[in-house]
Structure formats: C-alpha cells, structure tokens
Amino acid sequence: MKPLETTPVSNKPLLIGLLLLPTLSPPLHAESWQELLGTAQKILTQPQLEEAATAALSQSEMATAMKEALASGVESAITTLGQPDGFLGNALVKIPMPPSLASVEQLARKSGQGHYADQFITSINRAAEKAVPEASAILGDAIRQMSVTDVEQIISGPDDAATRYFERVSRQSLQQKLLPIIKQETGTAGVTAAYKNLVDSAGGVLNSLGPLSSFASGVTKAVDLDHYVTDQSLDALFDYIAIEERQIRTNPAARSTELLKKVFGTVAAP
C-alpha cells in the first residue's frame, strides 16, 4: 500500500515564534539567544510539536505581539524623557553645552558667572522635555507599518535592531515635527534670554582681556540653537529606545494584552 502523503509544515513561523518568546515572557531561567536557537533547532525536528505550535500562534499574531512589546518600550522611553528632569536629571541623555559655546562657558565660569551657563543648559533641556512627547505618534506609525519581514530582521539582528529601524524610517519626520516645537519651547523655556546672558557674561571678560580677546574670536556669533536642541533630543530619544529594546529582549514586561497572554500561555503549556 502506498504510504499516505503528508504536507510539510513550514518551519519559518515556529522559528519566529521561538525567537519572539524571550521578548514576550520571562522564563524561570533566562536563556541566551544562542541557547534559544539551539532549542529551536531541536523542536523543528519534531513535526507534531511544530504543527501544534504553528496552529496556536500564527506568524501574523507573533509579529503583532512583537509590535506590542516594542510599542511598550517606545512609550516607556518617551514617558521617561518627557517628564520634568527627564533630560536634565538623567546623565545618560542630558543635553550639554553646544561645542561652539565651550569657550564661552569656560570664560563665564572662570569669571564667577557660571550660573549663566547652568541656566542656559537647564533651558535647552527643558525645551527637549517638552518636545519629545510629540514623537509618540510618528514612532507609533513606524511600528504599525512594520512588515513581517521587518520583524524577522529585527529579531535576528543586534540588540538595537529595532532602534535602528525606527531611526531609519522616522528620523526625518521626527525632525520636521519637533523642530517647530523646539523653536516655540526655546522661547518659553527662556533659552534665548539664558543664551544672551551667557554670551554677555563672557563678553565682559573678553573686554577686560584687551589684546587677548582674539582668543575667543567668533565664539559669540549666532548658534542655531533650535537645530542643535532638536538633534540632541532625537539622539537621546533613540539612545533611550535602544536601552528599552535591550530590556524587551532580555526581561520584557509588556504582557497586558490578550495576544501577549496567548503567547505567554503557549510558552508555558507543557
């Protein structure tokens, strides 16, 4: 009798699911990515287990679960940075004095006018804190537009693969969105006044130097503060998203939706 023919089941959805599992539920003992891949290879040789897992979680569902986990990480980053002292009180992302004003800051501090430099740094960080929450909608769109292929590449990529994806597809849009907000906030946060006070304080020192004033020639010319603060804000945002992404990959906490509970339940099932 001719043996019954069976339709082979694709290994691809299961492999995606296995790679997504550490981003969706915390195992009792954390496995490295290498250990997880080894487990995947073993399970893929067991057709019955493969068929059951694939039936329980479709490729689309697993991609959606990954998007939800990434959305949670992005939301956490924006919430953290967008609160008072989210930039100013965080040494990892605090926006420093523009390099072109380093000499001005040095002169101000040497002359006992360092508080003007502090006021200026505070004002640009306050502007960033006000603007960053506006990035939420654009990054949300970037997540929703992820294809299954994008998700696969993120899973198999480095620890900041999702962050680099966000930066590639959304940085230009974020610049266009945040720049006018930064321009408005630099006014209300007192950046212009703080900048003028800082430059004036350094100018007083330069006047007393006489011939040595050429030391700081050109440092008091206009600086494009709005673009500087915008670029620094985005750099900080992506850096912080990268931190959140690493957390998602190793110790995710986004399991509040029914889909994530389904993924977690499949993992926990014997």
C-alpha atoms as a PDB file:
ATOM      1  CA  MET A   1       0.000   0.000   0.000  1.00  0.00           C
ATOM      2  CA  LYS A   2       1.298   3.434  -0.926  1.00  0.00           C
ATOM      3  CA  PRO A   3       2.073   5.400   2.246  1.00  0.00           C
ATOM      4  CA  LEU A   4      -0.076   8.415   2.898  1.00  0.00           C
ATOM      5  CA  GLU A   5       1.488  11.663   1.744  1.00  0.00           C
ATOM      6  CA  THR A   6       1.770  14.441   4.281  1.00  0.00           C
ATOM      7  CA  THR A   7       2.020  18.124   3.584  1.00  0.00           C
ATOM      8  CA  PRO A   8       5.220  19.553   5.055  1.00  0.00           C
ATOM      9  CA  VAL A   9       4.713  22.322   7.552  1.00  0.00           C
ATOM     10  CA  SER A  10       6.870  25.390   7.215  1.00  0.00           C
ATOM     11  CA  ASN A  11       9.461  25.813   9.944  1.00  0.00           C
ATOM     12  CA  LYS A  12       9.554  29.560   9.496  1.00  0.00           C
ATOM     13  CA  PRO A  13       6.561  30.617  11.653  1.00  0.00           C
ATOM     14  CA  LEU A  14       7.679  28.445  14.557  1.00  0.00           C
ATOM     15  CA  LEU A  15      11.211  29.780  14.423  1.00  0.00           C
ATOM     16  CA  ILE A  16       9.884  33.340  14.516  1.00  0.00           C
ATOM     17  CA  GLY A  17       7.732  32.413  17.483  1.00  0.00           C
ATOM     18  CA  LEU A  18      10.616  30.846  19.349  1.00  0.00           C
ATOM     19  CA  LEU A  19      12.738  33.914  18.805  1.00  0.00           C
ATOM     20  CA  LEU A  20       9.900  36.145  19.959  1.00  0.00           C
ATOM     21  CA  LEU A  21       9.330  34.211  23.162  1.00  0.00           C
ATOM     22  CA  PRO A  22      12.088  35.876  25.219  1.00  0.00           C
ATOM     23  CA  THR A  23      10.654  39.264  24.261  1.00  0.00           C
ATOM     24  CA  LEU A  24       7.206  38.325  25.427  1.00  0.00           C
ATOM     25  CA  SER A  25       7.528  36.294  28.637  1.00  0.00           C
ATOM     26  CA  PRO A  26      10.203  35.900  31.312  1.00  0.00           C
ATOM     27  CA  PRO A  27      11.339  32.256  31.617  1.00  0.00           C
ATOM     28  CA  LEU A  28      12.211  30.839  35.021  1.00  0.00           C
ATOM     29  CA  HIS A  29      15.833  30.719  33.949  1.00  0.00           C
ATOM     30  CA  ALA A  30      16.842  33.214  31.246  1.00  0.00           C
ATOM     31  CA  GLU A  31      18.320  31.609  28.149  1.00  0.00           C
ATOM     32  CA  SER A  32      20.817  33.280  25.892  1.00  0.00           C
ATOM     33  CA  TRP A  33      19.902  33.862  22.256  1.00  0.00           C
ATOM     34  CA  GLN A  34      22.332  31.068  21.325  1.00  0.00           C
ATOM     35  CA  GLU A  35      20.632  28.614  23.690  1.00  0.00           C
ATOM     36  CA  LEU A  36      17.251  29.628  22.334  1.00  0.00           C
ATOM     37  CA  LEU A  37      18.336  28.989  18.763  1.00  0.00           C
ATOM     38  CA  GLY A  38      19.586  25.565  19.836  1.00  0.00           C
ATOM     39  CA  THR A  39      16.206  24.815  21.355  1.00  0.00           C
ATOM     40  CA  ALA A  40      14.540  25.966  18.144  1.00  0.00           C
ATOM     41  CA  GLN A  41      16.591  23.565  16.050  1.00  0.00           C
ATOM     42  CA  LYS A  42      15.645  20.625  18.275  1.00  0.00           C
ATOM     43  CA  ILE A  43      11.945  21.438  18.214  1.00  0.00           C
ATOM     44  CA  LEU A  44      11.904  21.985  14.470  1.00  0.00           C
ATOM     45  CA  THR A  45      12.859  18.313  14.058  1.00  0.00           C
ATOM     46  CA  GLN A  46       9.639  17.276  15.824  1.00  0.00           C
ATOM     47  CA  PRO A  47       6.795  17.719  13.277  1.00  0.00           C
ATOM     48  CA  GLN A  48       3.944  17.187  15.733  1.00  0.00           C
ATOM     49  CA  LEU A  49       5.183  19.838  18.127  1.00  0.00           C
ATOM     50  CA  GLU A  50       5.846  22.173  15.208  1.00  0.00           C
ATOM     51  CA  GLU A  51       2.324  21.731  13.861  1.00  0.00           C
ATOM     52  CA  ALA A  52       0.743  22.370  17.268  1.00  0.00           C
ATOM     53  CA  ALA A  53       2.782  25.500  17.935  1.00  0.00           C
ATOM     54  CA  THR A  54       2.129  26.886  14.473  1.00  0.00           C
ATOM     55  CA  ALA A  55      -1.589  26.316  14.862  1.00  0.00           C
ATOM     56  CA  ALA A  56      -1.631  28.040  18.257  1.00  0.00           C
ATOM     57  CA  LEU A  57       0.248  31.127  17.112  1.00  0.00           C
ATOM     58  CA  SER A  58       0.231  32.348  13.535  1.00  0.00           C
ATOM     59  CA  GLN A  59       3.080  34.293  12.023  1.00  0.00           C
ATOM     60  CA  SER A  60       0.879  37.376  11.963  1.00  0.00           C
ATOM     61  CA  GLU A  61      -0.010  37.021  15.647  1.00  0.00           C
ATOM     62  CA  MET A  62       3.621  36.713  16.636  1.00  0.00           C
ATOM     63  CA  ALA A  63       4.537  39.790  14.594  1.00  0.00           C
ATOM     64  CA  THR A  64       1.711  41.688  16.262  1.00  0.00           C
ATOM     65  CA  ALA A  65       2.929  40.596  19.681  1.00  0.00           C
ATOM     66  CA  MET A  66       6.415  41.860  18.862  1.00  0.00           C
ATOM     67  CA  LYS A  67       4.968  45.204  17.769  1.00  0.00           C
ATOM     68  CA  GLU A  68       3.089  45.481  21.042  1.00  0.00           C
ATOM     69  CA  ALA A  69       6.255  44.813  23.017  1.00  0.00           C
ATOM     70  CA  LEU A  70       8.161  47.448  21.005  1.00  0.00           C
ATOM     71  CA  ALA A  71       5.317  49.933  21.437  1.00  0.00           C
ATOM     72  CA  SER A  72       5.574  49.443  25.182  1.00  0.00           C
ATOM     73  CA  GLY A  73       9.309  50.152  25.064  1.00  0.00           C
ATOM     74  CA  VAL A  74       8.871  53.280  22.958  1.00  0.00           C
ATOM     75  CA  GLU A  75       6.122  54.543  25.239  1.00  0.00           C
ATOM     76  CA  SER A  76       8.331  53.977  28.272  1.00  0.00           C
ATOM     77  CA  ALA A  77      11.224  55.895  26.685  1.00  0.00           C
ATOM     78  CA  ILE A  78       9.037  58.847  25.709  1.00  0.00           C
ATOM     79  CA  THR A  79       7.307  58.960  29.091  1.00  0.00           C
ATOM     80  CA  THR A  80      10.635  58.894  30.918  1.00  0.00           C
ATOM     81  CA  LEU A  81      12.259  61.617  28.812  1.00  0.00           C
ATOM     82  CA  GLY A  82       9.148  63.779  28.546  1.00  0.00           C
ATOM     83  CA  GLN A  83       8.712  64.324  32.269  1.00  0.00           C
ATOM     84  CA  PRO A  84      10.346  67.101  34.339  1.00  0.00           C
ATOM     85  CA  ASP A  85      14.077  66.367  34.634  1.00  0.00           C
ATOM     86  CA  GLY A  86      13.698  63.588  32.061  1.00  0.00           C
ATOM     87  CA  PHE A  87      16.680  65.102  30.250  1.00  0.00           C
ATOM     88  CA  LEU A  88      18.212  67.440  32.807  1.00  0.00           C
ATOM     89  CA  GLY A  89      18.237  64.882  35.618  1.00  0.00           C
ATOM     90  CA  ASN A  90      19.477  61.966  33.516  1.00  0.00           C
ATOM     91  CA  ALA A  91      23.227  61.926  32.913  1.00  0.00           C
ATOM     92  CA  LEU A  92      22.783  59.455  30.040  1.00  0.00           C
ATOM     93  CA  VAL A  93      20.789  61.885  27.908  1.00  0.00           C
ATOM     94  CA  LYS A  94      21.346  65.355  29.389  1.00  0.00           C
ATOM     95  CA  ILE A  95      21.942  67.840  26.570  1.00  0.00           C
ATOM     96  CA  PRO A  96      25.324  69.541  27.052  1.00  0.00           C
ATOM     97  CA  MET A  97      26.536  72.975  26.098  1.00  0.00           C
ATOM     98  CA  PRO A  98      26.933  73.254  22.294  1.00  0.00           C
ATOM     99  CA  PRO A  99      30.606  72.657  21.409  1.00  0.00           C
ATOM    100  CA  SER A 100      30.756  76.060  19.702  1.00  0.00           C
ATOM    101  CA  LEU A 101      30.000  77.684  23.074  1.00  0.00           C
ATOM    102  CA  ALA A 102      32.530  75.709  25.098  1.00  0.00           C
ATOM    103  CA  SER A 103      34.953  78.648  25.245  1.00  0.00           C
ATOM    104  CA  VAL A 104      32.143  80.992  26.253  1.00  0.00           C
ATOM    105  CA  GLU A 105      31.140  78.645  29.066  1.00  0.00           C
ATOM    106  CA  GLN A 106      34.732  78.380  30.228  1.00  0.00           C
ATOM    107  CA  LEU A 107      35.131  82.153  30.364  1.00  0.00           C
ATOM    108  CA  ALA A 108      31.827  82.584  32.186  1.00  0.00           C
ATOM    109  CA  ARG A 109      32.738  80.037  34.848  1.00  0.00           C
ATOM    110  CA  LYS A 110      36.224  81.454  35.334  1.00  0.00           C
ATOM    111  CA  SER A 111      34.746  84.888  35.917  1.00  0.00           C
ATOM    112  CA  GLY A 112      32.285  83.657  38.530  1.00  0.00           C
ATOM    113  CA  GLN A 113      29.343  83.791  36.113  1.00  0.00           C
ATOM    114  CA  GLY A 114      28.874  80.035  35.863  1.00  0.00           C
ATOM    115  CA  HIS A 115      25.236  80.315  36.881  1.00  0.00           C
ATOM    116  CA  TYR A 116      24.515  81.768  33.439  1.00  0.00           C
ATOM    117  CA  ALA A 117      25.930  78.626  31.844  1.00  0.00           C
ATOM    118  CA  ASP A 118      23.829  76.494  34.192  1.00  0.00           C
ATOM    119  CA  GLN A 119      20.700  78.476  33.328  1.00  0.00           C
ATOM    120  CA  PHE A 120      21.356  78.006  29.633  1.00  0.00           C
ATOM    121  CA  ILE A 121      21.900  74.240  29.935  1.00  0.00           C
ATOM    122  CA  THR A 122      18.755  73.945  32.039  1.00  0.00           C
ATOM    123  CA  SER A 123      16.699  75.877  29.495  1.00  0.00           C
ATOM    124  CA  ILE A 124      17.668  73.745  26.490  1.00  0.00           C
ATOM    125  CA  ASN A 125      16.959  70.543  28.408  1.00  0.00           C
ATOM    126  CA  ARG A 126      13.556  71.870  29.477  1.00  0.00           C
ATOM    127  CA  ALA A 127      12.746  72.562  25.829  1.00  0.00           C
ATOM    128  CA  ALA A 128      13.661  68.974  24.931  1.00  0.00           C
ATOM    129  CA  GLU A 129      11.489  67.581  27.724  1.00  0.00           C
ATOM    130  CA  LYS A 130       8.507  69.490  26.370  1.00  0.00           C
ATOM    131  CA  ALA A 131       9.062  68.451  22.748  1.00  0.00           C
ATOM    132  CA  VAL A 132       9.849  64.728  22.978  1.00  0.00           C
ATOM    133  CA  PRO A 133       6.287  63.549  23.768  1.00  0.00           C
ATOM    134  CA  GLU A 134       5.303  64.758  20.285  1.00  0.00           C
ATOM    135  CA  ALA A 135       7.390  61.902  18.844  1.00  0.00           C
ATOM    136  CA  SER A 136       4.867  59.340  20.051  1.00  0.00           C
ATOM    137  CA  ALA A 137       2.533  59.420  17.035  1.00  0.00           C
ATOM    138  CA  ILE A 138       5.323  59.157  14.451  1.00  0.00           C
ATOM    139  CA  LEU A 139       7.029  56.246  16.200  1.00  0.00           C
ATOM    140  CA  GLY A 140       3.644  54.595  16.617  1.00  0.00           C
ATOM    141  CA  ASP A 141       3.132  54.793  12.855  1.00  0.00           C
ATOM    142  CA  ALA A 142       6.585  53.280  12.306  1.00  0.00           C
ATOM    143  CA  ILE A 143       5.620  50.306  14.469  1.00  0.00           C
ATOM    144  CA  ARG A 144       2.257  49.805  12.771  1.00  0.00           C
ATOM    145  CA  GLN A 145       3.902  49.868   9.341  1.00  0.00           C
ATOM    146  CA  MET A 146       6.374  47.103  10.221  1.00  0.00           C
ATOM    147  CA  SER A 147       6.097  44.133   7.901  1.00  0.00           C
ATOM    148  CA  VAL A 148       6.616  40.528   8.942  1.00  0.00           C
ATOM    149  CA  THR A 149       9.977  40.734   7.179  1.00  0.00           C
ATOM    150  CA  ASP A 150      10.904  43.799   9.241  1.00  0.00           C
ATOM    151  CA  VAL A 151      10.026  41.900  12.412  1.00  0.00           C
ATOM    152  CA  GLU A 152      12.117  38.905  11.338  1.00  0.00           C
ATOM    153  CA  GLN A 153      15.127  41.135  10.650  1.00  0.00           C
ATOM    154  CA  ILE A 154      14.718  42.882  13.998  1.00  0.00           C
ATOM    155  CA  ILE A 155      14.537  39.568  15.849  1.00  0.00           C
ATOM    156  CA  SER A 156      17.637  38.172  14.154  1.00  0.00           C
ATOM    157  CA  GLY A 157      19.528  41.469  14.303  1.00  0.00           C
ATOM    158  CA  PRO A 158      21.644  43.083  17.030  1.00  0.00           C
ATOM    159  CA  ASP A 159      20.255  44.295  20.354  1.00  0.00           C
ATOM    160  CA  ASP A 160      19.424  47.698  18.874  1.00  0.00           C
ATOM    161  CA  ALA A 161      17.987  46.472  15.563  1.00  0.00           C
ATOM    162  CA  ALA A 162      14.520  47.888  16.268  1.00  0.00           C
ATOM    163  CA  THR A 163      16.013  51.216  17.330  1.00  0.00           C
ATOM    164  CA  ARG A 164      17.978  51.478  14.111  1.00  0.00           C
ATOM    165  CA  TYR A 165      14.790  50.636  12.189  1.00  0.00           C
ATOM    166  CA  PHE A 166      12.952  53.465  13.951  1.00  0.00           C
ATOM    167  CA  GLU A 167      15.782  55.873  13.240  1.00  0.00           C
ATOM    168  CA  ARG A 168      15.975  54.900   9.573  1.00  0.00           C
ATOM    169  CA  VAL A 169      12.269  55.230   8.800  1.00  0.00           C
ATOM    170  CA  SER A 170      11.275  58.073  11.116  1.00  0.00           C
ATOM    171  CA  ARG A 171      14.158  60.405  11.975  1.00  0.00           C
ATOM    172  CA  GLN A 172      13.475  62.843   9.143  1.00  0.00           C
ATOM    173  CA  SER A 173       9.777  63.016  10.021  1.00  0.00           C
ATOM    174  CA  LEU A 174      10.649  63.484  13.682  1.00  0.00           C
ATOM    175  CA  GLN A 175      12.983  66.370  12.848  1.00  0.00           C
ATOM    176  CA  GLN A 176      10.236  68.085  10.876  1.00  0.00           C
ATOM    177  CA  LYS A 177       7.770  67.524  13.713  1.00  0.00           C
ATOM    178  CA  LEU A 178       9.984  68.510  16.640  1.00  0.00           C
ATOM    179  CA  LEU A 179      11.842  71.497  15.174  1.00  0.00           C
ATOM    180  CA  PRO A 180       8.903  73.964  15.265  1.00  0.00           C
ATOM    181  CA  ILE A 181       8.010  72.730  18.750  1.00  0.00           C
ATOM    182  CA  ILE A 182      11.600  73.251  19.885  1.00  0.00           C
ATOM    183  CA  LYS A 183      11.544  76.754  18.400  1.00  0.00           C
ATOM    184  CA  GLN A 184       8.457  77.555  20.424  1.00  0.00           C
ATOM    185  CA  GLU A 185       9.775  75.948  23.592  1.00  0.00           C
ATOM    186  CA  THR A 186      13.167  77.662  23.411  1.00  0.00           C
ATOM    187  CA  GLY A 187      11.244  80.902  23.787  1.00  0.00           C
ATOM    188  CA  THR A 188       9.009  79.832  26.651  1.00  0.00           C
ATOM    189  CA  ALA A 189      11.820  77.969  28.417  1.00  0.00           C
ATOM    190  CA  GLY A 190      13.985  81.093  28.404  1.00  0.00           C
ATOM    191  CA  VAL A 191      16.701  79.683  26.154  1.00  0.00           C
ATOM    192  CA  THR A 192      17.184  82.924  24.225  1.00  0.00           C
ATOM    193  CA  ALA A 193      17.484  85.006  27.389  1.00  0.00           C
ATOM    194  CA  ALA A 194      19.822  82.480  29.008  1.00  0.00           C
ATOM    195  CA  TYR A 195      21.966  82.407  25.866  1.00  0.00           C
ATOM    196  CA  LYS A 196      22.204  86.204  25.793  1.00  0.00           C
ATOM    197  CA  ASN A 197      23.160  86.323  29.485  1.00  0.00           C
ATOM    198  CA  LEU A 198      25.814  83.676  28.930  1.00  0.00           C
ATOM    199  CA  VAL A 199      27.360  85.440  25.944  1.00  0.00           C
ATOM    200  CA  ASP A 200      27.194  88.830  27.669  1.00  0.00           C
ATOM    201  CA  SER A 201      28.941  87.449  30.742  1.00  0.00           C
ATOM    202  CA  ALA A 202      31.736  86.061  28.573  1.00  0.00           C
ATOM    203  CA  GLY A 203      31.857  89.317  26.629  1.00  0.00           C
ATOM    204  CA  GLY A 204      32.580  91.229  29.819  1.00  0.00           C
ATOM    205  CA  VAL A 205      35.595  89.035  30.430  1.00  0.00           C
ATOM    206  CA  LEU A 206      36.785  89.466  26.840  1.00  0.00           C
ATOM    207  CA  ASN A 207      36.607  93.235  27.125  1.00  0.00           C
ATOM    208  CA  SER A 208      38.906  93.095  30.131  1.00  0.00           C
ATOM    209  CA  LEU A 209      41.438  90.987  28.226  1.00  0.00           C
ATOM    210  CA  GLY A 210      42.312  93.698  25.734  1.00  0.00           C
ATOM    211  CA  PRO A 211      44.608  92.291  23.040  1.00  0.00           C
ATOM    212  CA  LEU A 212      43.932  88.759  24.282  1.00  0.00           C
ATOM    213  CA  SER A 213      40.290  88.998  23.247  1.00  0.00           C
ATOM    214  CA  SER A 214      41.210  87.327  19.949  1.00  0.00           C
ATOM    215  CA  PHE A 215      41.392  84.105  21.994  1.00  0.00           C
ATOM    216  CA  ALA A 216      37.631  83.755  21.667  1.00  0.00           C
ATOM    217  CA  SER A 217      37.192  85.356  18.284  1.00  0.00           C
ATOM    218  CA  GLY A 218      33.956  84.217  16.715  1.00  0.00           C
ATOM    219  CA  VAL A 219      32.647  82.186  19.652  1.00  0.00           C
ATOM    220  CA  THR A 220      29.875  84.667  20.333  1.00  0.00           C
ATOM    221  CA  LYS A 221      28.421  84.539  16.835  1.00  0.00           C
ATOM    222  CA  ALA A 222      24.932  83.187  16.470  1.00  0.00           C
ATOM    223  CA  VAL A 223      24.413  79.484  17.142  1.00  0.00           C
ATOM    224  CA  ASP A 224      21.496  77.579  15.610  1.00  0.00           C
ATOM    225  CA  LEU A 225      20.167  76.502  18.980  1.00  0.00           C
ATOM    226  CA  ASP A 226      16.877  75.144  17.670  1.00  0.00           C
ATOM    227  CA  HIS A 227      18.502  72.624  15.334  1.00  0.00           C
ATOM    228  CA  TYR A 228      21.067  71.742  17.990  1.00  0.00           C
ATOM    229  CA  VAL A 229      18.407  71.005  20.613  1.00  0.00           C
ATOM    230  CA  THR A 230      16.301  69.074  18.085  1.00  0.00           C
ATOM    231  CA  ASP A 231      19.204  66.859  17.004  1.00  0.00           C
ATOM    232  CA  GLN A 232      20.312  66.287  20.586  1.00  0.00           C
ATOM    233  CA  SER A 233      16.747  65.429  21.597  1.00  0.00           C
ATOM    234  CA  LEU A 234      16.446  62.822  18.857  1.00  0.00           C
ATOM    235  CA  ASP A 235      19.865  61.334  19.619  1.00  0.00           C
ATOM    236  CA  ALA A 236      18.839  60.982  23.257  1.00  0.00           C
ATOM    237  CA  LEU A 237      15.464  59.524  22.341  1.00  0.00           C
ATOM    238  CA  PHE A 238      16.966  56.829  20.127  1.00  0.00           C
ATOM    239  CA  ASP A 239      19.639  56.053  22.718  1.00  0.00           C
ATOM    240  CA  TYR A 240      16.951  55.568  25.322  1.00  0.00           C
ATOM    241  CA  ILE A 241      14.807  53.456  22.994  1.00  0.00           C
ATOM    242  CA  ALA A 242      17.873  51.235  22.494  1.00  0.00           C
ATOM    243  CA  ILE A 243      18.074  50.774  26.267  1.00  0.00           C
ATOM    244  CA  GLU A 244      14.390  49.844  26.370  1.00  0.00           C
ATOM    245  CA  GLU A 245      14.852  47.465  23.438  1.00  0.00           C
ATOM    246  CA  ARG A 246      17.589  45.569  25.251  1.00  0.00           C
ATOM    247  CA  GLN A 247      15.225  45.261  28.212  1.00  0.00           C
ATOM    248  CA  ILE A 248      12.477  43.921  25.956  1.00  0.00           C
ATOM    249  CA  ARG A 249      14.820  41.307  24.553  1.00  0.00           C
ATOM    250  CA  THR A 250      16.009  40.105  27.949  1.00  0.00           C
ATOM    251  CA  ASN A 251      13.321  40.925  30.515  1.00  0.00           C
ATOM    252  CA  PRO A 252      10.094  42.057  28.847  1.00  0.00           C
ATOM    253  CA  ALA A 253       7.210  43.350  30.917  1.00  0.00           C
ATOM    254  CA  ALA A 254       4.649  44.001  28.164  1.00  0.00           C
ATOM    255  CA  ARG A 255       2.146  41.175  28.575  1.00  0.00           C
ATOM    256  CA  SER A 256      -1.004  43.119  29.394  1.00  0.00           C
ATOM    257  CA  THR A 257      -2.927  42.390  26.180  1.00  0.00           C
ATOM    258  CA  GLU A 258      -4.848  39.233  25.326  1.00  0.00           C
ATOM    259  CA  LEU A 259      -2.449  38.452  22.481  1.00  0.00           C
ATOM    260  CA  LEU A 260       0.595  38.611  24.710  1.00  0.00           C
ATOM    261  CA  LYS A 261      -1.208  36.427  27.261  1.00  0.00           C
ATOM    262  CA  LYS A 262      -1.868  33.939  24.474  1.00  0.00           C
ATOM    263  CA  VAL A 263       1.814  33.914  23.518  1.00  0.00           C
ATOM    264  CA  PHE A 264       2.821  33.501  27.151  1.00  0.00           C
ATOM    265  CA  GLY A 265       0.261  30.724  27.621  1.00  0.00           C
ATOM    266  CA  THR A 266       1.656  28.850  24.631  1.00  0.00           C
ATOM    267  CA  VAL A 267       5.150  29.060  26.069  1.00  0.00           C
ATOM    268  CA  ALA A 268       4.022  27.853  29.478  1.00  0.00           C
ATOM    269  CA  ALA A 269       1.966  24.975  28.074  1.00  0.00           C
ATOM    270  CA  PRO A 270       3.559  21.514  28.593  1.00  0.00           C
END
